[in-house]
Protein backbone atom coordinates (compact mmCIF):
# COMPACT_ATOMS: atom_id res chain seq x y z
CA MET A 1 0.00 0.00 0.00
CA LYS A 2 1.32 3.45 -0.88
CA ARG A 3 0.42 6.69 0.87
CA GLU A 4 1.50 10.28 0.26
CA PHE A 5 1.51 13.03 2.85
CA ILE A 6 2.15 16.74 2.42
CA GLY A 7 3.96 18.53 5.23
CA ILE A 8 5.73 21.79 5.92
CA MET A 9 8.97 20.68 4.29
CA GLY A 10 7.37 18.93 1.32
CA LYS A 11 6.10 15.50 0.44
CA LEU A 12 6.61 12.18 2.23
CA ASN A 13 5.83 8.97 0.38
CA CYS A 14 5.16 5.93 2.52
CA GLU A 15 5.05 2.42 1.10
CA LEU A 16 3.83 -0.32 3.41
CA GLY A 17 4.31 -4.04 3.04
CA GLU A 18 5.07 -7.21 4.89
CA GLU A 19 8.00 -9.54 4.40
CA ALA A 20 8.90 -12.63 6.45
CA GLY A 21 6.50 -11.58 9.22
CA VAL A 22 8.00 -8.10 9.40
CA VAL A 23 6.09 -4.92 8.60
CA THR A 24 8.19 -3.01 6.05
CA VAL A 25 7.84 0.73 5.71
CA THR A 26 9.71 2.65 3.01
CA LEU A 27 9.86 6.40 3.56
CA GLU A 28 10.83 8.75 0.75
CA GLY A 29 11.06 12.53 0.94
CA GLN A 30 10.68 14.82 3.93
CA ALA A 31 9.53 13.71 7.39
CA ASP A 32 8.40 16.69 9.46
CA VAL A 33 5.96 17.43 12.26
CA HIS A 34 2.92 16.79 10.03
CA THR A 35 4.08 13.85 7.93
CA SER A 36 5.65 11.97 10.85
CA GLU A 37 2.35 12.12 12.76
CA GLU A 38 0.67 10.43 9.79
CA VAL A 39 3.29 7.68 9.82
CA LYS A 40 2.76 7.32 13.57
CA ARG A 41 -0.97 6.75 13.10
CA ILE A 42 -0.35 4.07 10.50
CA LEU A 43 2.26 2.22 12.54
CA GLN A 44 0.19 2.37 15.71
CA THR A 45 -2.51 0.49 13.78
CA TYR A 46 -0.03 -2.30 13.08
CA LEU A 47 1.12 -2.30 16.71
CA ALA A 48 -2.49 -2.50 17.91
CA ARG A 49 -2.88 -5.64 15.77
CA GLY A 50 0.14 -7.22 17.44
CA GLN A 51 2.51 -6.60 14.54
CA SER A 52 5.47 -5.23 16.45
CA ARG A 53 8.36 -6.17 14.14
CA ILE A 54 8.87 -3.11 11.95
CA LEU A 55 11.64 -2.32 9.48
CA LEU A 56 11.90 1.28 8.29
CA ASP A 57 13.69 1.59 4.94
CA LEU A 58 15.11 5.11 4.96
CA THR A 59 17.17 4.83 1.78
CA LYS A 60 15.32 7.76 0.17
CA LEU A 61 14.53 9.82 3.25
CA ASP A 62 15.96 13.28 2.54
CA TYR A 63 14.95 15.12 5.70
CA CYS A 64 13.76 14.47 9.22
CA ASP A 65 13.31 16.80 12.15
CA SER A 66 13.14 16.45 15.93
CA SER A 67 9.41 15.72 15.82
CA THR A 68 10.18 12.70 13.64
CA LEU A 69 12.69 11.49 16.23
CA ARG A 70 10.06 11.89 18.96
CA VAL A 71 7.53 9.88 16.94
CA LEU A 72 10.05 7.10 16.25
CA LEU A 73 11.06 6.92 19.90
CA THR A 74 7.41 6.63 20.97
CA LEU A 75 6.83 3.88 18.41
CA GLN A 76 10.04 2.08 19.44
CA LYS A 77 8.88 2.01 23.08
CA GLN A 78 5.48 0.65 22.04
CA ALA A 79 7.05 -2.00 19.79
CA LYS A 80 9.43 -3.16 22.53
CA THR A 81 6.59 -3.33 25.05
CA ALA A 82 4.81 -5.62 22.58
CA GLY A 83 7.90 -7.84 22.22
CA GLY A 84 9.15 -6.38 18.95
CA ALA A 85 11.33 -3.56 17.70
CA ILE A 86 11.68 -0.89 15.08
CA LYS A 87 14.88 -1.24 13.07
CA LEU A 88 16.32 1.11 10.49
CA LEU A 89 17.59 0.24 7.03
CA LYS A 90 20.03 2.47 5.14
CA LEU A 91 19.87 5.56 7.31
CA GLY A 92 22.16 8.04 5.60
CA GLY A 93 22.83 11.64 4.70
CA GLU A 94 21.28 14.46 6.69
CA PRO A 95 18.78 12.19 8.52
CA ARG A 96 21.70 10.11 9.84
CA ARG A 97 23.40 13.29 11.10
CA VAL A 98 20.19 14.27 12.92
CA PHE A 99 20.11 10.83 14.59
CA GLU A 100 23.82 11.06 15.51
CA VAL A 101 23.72 14.60 16.92
CA SER A 102 20.63 13.86 19.00
CA GLY A 103 22.03 10.57 20.35
CA PHE A 104 19.13 8.64 18.82
CA LEU A 105 21.40 6.44 16.72
CA ASP A 106 22.13 4.40 19.86
CA LEU A 107 18.41 3.71 20.37
CA PHE A 108 17.82 1.85 17.10
CA GLU A 109 19.51 -1.07 15.38
CA THR A 110 20.61 0.03 11.94
CA PHE A 111 21.42 -2.07 8.89
CA ASN A 112 22.75 -1.53 5.38
CA ASP A 113 21.56 -4.91 4.07
CA ARG A 114 17.84 -5.67 3.80
CA GLU A 115 18.16 -9.45 4.17
CA GLU A 116 20.37 -9.08 7.24
CA ALA A 117 17.85 -6.67 8.76
CA LEU A 118 14.96 -9.06 8.16
CA ARG A 119 16.92 -12.01 9.58
CA SER A 120 17.70 -9.98 12.70
CA PHE A 121 14.04 -10.17 13.73
CA GLY A 122 14.25 -13.97 13.92
CA GLY A 123 14.84 -14.06 17.68
CA LEU A 124 11.98 -11.72 18.54
CA GLU A 125 8.71 -13.02 19.85
């Protein structure tokens, strides 16, 4: 399923899927206070259904702000409470710098290889 959200900084495309029992979310564009809240609503729906293994593919994420970090931290806490986790795939560029400067990089497992990321969920219940 594909969704598009318009925020202050521009457009955020969100593609949702499922692979090997893991919810996959590909974000492309700009994640800001408005667009990240939309992503939060979607992912909370999955969490409410007991789907707490979530992989965020950030290969094409160009921008994220502190509100995006807040949303991801909230979702990470909810996923862990449910026995899962949110993991990041290909976090790079400016978004990676935002994660590093804020200290958030230590709060999420990050991967550069999709298959490795998906396999890493194997031990979660």
